[in-house]
C-alpha atoms as a PDB file:
ATOM      1  CA  UNK A   1     117.738 146.639 284.861  1.00  0.00           C
ATOM      2  CA  UNK A   2     117.343 144.747 281.603  1.00  0.00           C
ATOM      3  CA  UNK A   3     113.569 144.673 282.222  1.00  0.00           C
ATOM      4  CA  UNK A   4     113.381 148.448 281.882  1.00  0.00           C
ATOM      5  CA  UNK A   5     115.239 148.278 278.596  1.00  0.00           C
ATOM      6  CA  UNK A   6     112.848 145.613 277.344  1.00  0.00           C
ATOM      7  CA  UNK A   7     109.850 147.685 278.402  1.00  0.00           C
ATOM      8  CA  UNK A   8     111.256 150.775 276.688  1.00  0.00           C
ATOM      9  CA  UNK A   9     112.032 148.820 273.501  1.00  0.00           C
ATOM     10  CA  UNK A  10     108.540 147.315 273.460  1.00  0.00           C
ATOM     11  CA  UNK A  11     106.930 150.708 273.973  1.00  0.00           C
ATOM     12  CA  UNK A  12     109.070 152.206 271.207  1.00  0.00           C
ATOM     13  CA  UNK A  13     108.196 149.335 268.881  1.00  0.00           C
ATOM     14  CA  UNK A  14     104.494 149.683 269.595  1.00  0.00           C
ATOM     15  CA  UNK A  15     104.609 153.403 268.944  1.00  0.00           C
ATOM     16  CA  UNK A  16     106.000 152.603 265.500  1.00  0.00           C
ATOM     17  CA  UNK A  17     103.055 150.278 264.894  1.00  0.00           C
ATOM     18  CA  UNK A  18     100.639 152.971 265.973  1.00  0.00           C
ATOM     19  CA  UNK A  19     102.254 155.460 263.598  1.00  0.00           C
ATOM     20  CA  UNK A  20     101.999 152.962 260.739  1.00  0.00           C
ATOM     21  CA  UNK A  21      98.399 152.236 261.659  1.00  0.00           C
ATOM     22  CA  UNK A  22      97.606 155.960 261.664  1.00  0.00           C
ATOM     23  CA  UNK A  23      99.201 156.291 258.222  1.00  0.00           C
ATOM     24  CA  UNK A  24      97.146 153.417 256.846  1.00  0.00           C
ATOM     25  CA  UNK A  25      94.016 154.934 258.372  1.00  0.00           C
ATOM     26  CA  UNK A  26      94.742 158.311 256.771  1.00  0.00           C
ATOM     27  CA  UNK A  27      95.346 156.706 253.360  1.00  0.00           C
ATOM     28  CA  UNK A  28      92.083 154.750 253.627  1.00  0.00           C
ATOM     29  CA  UNK A  29      90.180 157.873 254.706  1.00  0.00           C
ATOM     30  CA  UNK A  30      91.646 159.879 251.827  1.00  0.00           C
ATOM     31  CA  UNK A  31      90.714 157.197 249.286  1.00  0.00           C
ATOM     32  CA  UNK A  32      87.247 156.874 250.804  1.00  0.00           C
ATOM     33  CA  UNK A  33      86.739 160.650 250.619  1.00  0.00           C
ATOM     34  CA  UNK A  34      87.363 160.547 246.870  1.00  0.00           C
ATOM     35  CA  UNK A  35      84.699 157.878 246.454  1.00  0.00           C
ATOM     36  CA  UNK A  36      82.216 159.582 248.800  1.00  0.00           C
ATOM     37  CA  UNK A  37      82.671 162.923 247.004  1.00  0.00           C
ATOM     38  CA  UNK A  38      81.698 161.260 243.742  1.00  0.00           C
ATOM     39  CA  UNK A  39      78.641 159.614 245.284  1.00  0.00           C
ATOM     40  CA  UNK A  40      77.521 162.845 246.978  1.00  0.00           C
ATOM     41  CA  UNK A  41      77.958 164.824 243.766  1.00  0.00           C
ATOM     42  CA  UNK A  42      75.909 162.296 241.778  1.00  0.00           C
ATOM     43  CA  UNK A  43      73.181 161.679 244.386  1.00  0.00           C
ATOM     44  CA  UNK A  44      72.851 165.258 245.618  1.00  0.00           C
ATOM     45  CA  UNK A  45      73.627 167.574 242.676  1.00  0.00           C
ATOM     46  CA  UNK A  46      74.159 171.193 243.587  1.00  0.00           C
ATOM     47  CA  UNK A  47      75.239 170.363 247.153  1.00  0.00           C
ATOM     48  CA  UNK A  48      78.746 171.329 248.283  1.00  0.00           C
ATOM     49  CA  UNK A  49      80.153 167.812 248.597  1.00  0.00           C
ATOM     50  CA  UNK A  50      83.135 168.618 250.825  1.00  0.00           C
ATOM     51  CA  UNK A  51      81.393 169.159 254.193  1.00  0.00           C
ATOM     52  CA  UNK A  52      78.927 166.358 253.471  1.00  0.00           C
ATOM     53  CA  UNK A  53      81.782 163.996 252.623  1.00  0.00           C
ATOM     54  CA  UNK A  54      83.648 164.924 255.796  1.00  0.00           C
ATOM     55  CA  UNK A  55      80.562 164.180 257.903  1.00  0.00           C
ATOM     56  CA  UNK A  56      79.987 160.841 256.179  1.00  0.00           C
ATOM     57  CA  UNK A  57      83.609 159.780 256.689  1.00  0.00           C
ATOM     58  CA  UNK A  58      83.593 160.958 260.314  1.00  0.00           C
ATOM     59  CA  UNK A  59      80.482 158.867 261.025  1.00  0.00           C
ATOM     60  CA  UNK A  60      81.617 155.715 259.212  1.00  0.00           C
ATOM     61  CA  UNK A  61      83.192 152.813 261.054  1.00  0.00           C
ATOM     62  CA  UNK A  62      86.736 151.719 260.242  1.00  0.00           C
ATOM     63  CA  UNK A  63      85.466 148.722 258.306  1.00  0.00           C
ATOM     64  CA  UNK A  64      83.058 150.925 256.343  1.00  0.00           C
ATOM     65  CA  UNK A  65      85.886 153.305 255.473  1.00  0.00           C
ATOM     66  CA  UNK A  66      87.996 150.395 254.217  1.00  0.00           C
ATOM     67  CA  UNK A  67      85.057 149.073 252.183  1.00  0.00           C
ATOM     68  CA  UNK A  68      84.457 152.479 250.619  1.00  0.00           C
ATOM     69  CA  UNK A  69      88.186 153.035 250.017  1.00  0.00           C
ATOM     70  CA  UNK A  70      88.365 149.768 248.065  1.00  0.00           C
ATOM     71  CA  UNK A  71      85.970 151.307 245.563  1.00  0.00           C
ATOM     72  CA  UNK A  72      88.668 153.841 244.702  1.00  0.00           C
ATOM     73  CA  UNK A  73      90.643 150.918 243.271  1.00  0.00           C
ATOM     74  CA  UNK A  74      87.988 148.552 241.894  1.00  0.00           C
ATOM     75  CA  UNK A  75      85.264 151.075 241.076  1.00  0.00           C
ATOM     76  CA  UNK A  76      82.121 152.216 242.788  1.00  0.00           C
ATOM     77  CA  UNK A  77      79.320 149.671 242.859  1.00  0.00           C
ATOM     78  CA  UNK A  78      75.689 150.018 243.841  1.00  0.00           C
ATOM     79  CA  UNK A  79      76.627 148.451 247.196  1.00  0.00           C
ATOM     80  CA  UNK A  80      79.191 151.225 247.739  1.00  0.00           C
ATOM     81  CA  UNK A  81      76.638 153.888 246.854  1.00  0.00           C
ATOM     82  CA  UNK A  82      74.050 152.288 249.129  1.00  0.00           C
ATOM     83  CA  UNK A  83      76.567 152.243 252.001  1.00  0.00           C
ATOM     84  CA  UNK A  84      77.426 155.930 251.536  1.00  0.00           C
ATOM     85  CA  UNK A  85      73.736 156.878 251.427  1.00  0.00           C
ATOM     86  CA  UNK A  86      73.036 154.734 254.508  1.00  0.00           C
ATOM     87  CA  UNK A  87      75.825 156.463 256.469  1.00  0.00           C
ATOM     88  CA  UNK A  88      74.552 159.857 255.261  1.00  0.00           C
ATOM     89  CA  UNK A  89      71.121 159.035 256.692  1.00  0.00           C
ATOM     90  CA  UNK A  90      72.330 158.306 260.206  1.00  0.00           C
ATOM     91  CA  UNK A  91      71.181 160.824 262.840  1.00  0.00           C
ATOM     92  CA  UNK A  92      74.734 161.830 263.814  1.00  0.00           C
ATOM     93  CA  UNK A  93      75.665 162.320 260.162  1.00  0.00           C
ATOM     94  CA  UNK A  94      72.562 164.389 259.479  1.00  0.00           C
ATOM     95  CA  UNK A  95      73.324 166.530 262.519  1.00  0.00           C
ATOM     96  CA  UNK A  96      76.921 166.991 261.367  1.00  0.00           C
ATOM     97  CA  UNK A  97      75.816 167.960 257.857  1.00  0.00           C
ATOM     98  CA  UNK A  98      73.290 170.436 259.247  1.00  0.00           C
ATOM     99  CA  UNK A  99      75.920 171.982 261.527  1.00  0.00           C
ATOM    100  CA  UNK A 100      78.549 172.172 258.782  1.00  0.00           C
ATOM    101  CA  UNK A 101      76.312 173.434 255.986  1.00  0.00           C
ATOM    102  CA  UNK A 102      73.887 175.554 258.020  1.00  0.00           C
ATOM    103  CA  UNK A 103      75.888 177.319 260.666  1.00  0.00           C
ATOM    104  CA  UNK A 104      74.301 179.398 263.410  1.00  0.00           C
ATOM    105  CA  UNK A 105      74.746 182.544 261.341  1.00  0.00           C
ATOM    106  CA  UNK A 106      72.967 180.924 258.422  1.00  0.00           C
ATOM    107  CA  UNK A 107      70.087 179.854 260.649  1.00  0.00           C
ATOM    108  CA  UNK A 108      69.741 183.332 262.083  1.00  0.00           C
ATOM    109  CA  UNK A 109      69.593 184.844 258.596  1.00  0.00           C
ATOM    110  CA  UNK A 110      66.967 182.294 257.550  1.00  0.00           C
ATOM    111  CA  UNK A 111      64.792 182.705 260.641  1.00  0.00           C
ATOM    112  CA  UNK A 112      65.859 186.177 261.754  1.00  0.00           C
END
């Protein structure tokens, strides 16, 4: 019987770790978004940065998000900018940006 209690306690403890991990991930993503917005606005003036930023963050790896988020504290470097531009140039990111900034209705009005 004590085994079931131990299993339940372990599962409960792990769920707390997962919640903390999710919180850390959300904080890192939020910090990274601030940095990416600045890079997008400077590299692509006149472009609505929000959907582009979301696509870049969604297509970045966890380690890339952490690296970008660090720039929110220490400042954006050329390496940070290069990383953001590299992620923006990935096929999945380009597809996401196209979908988010040129919806089907927009395409129909352009080609219709």
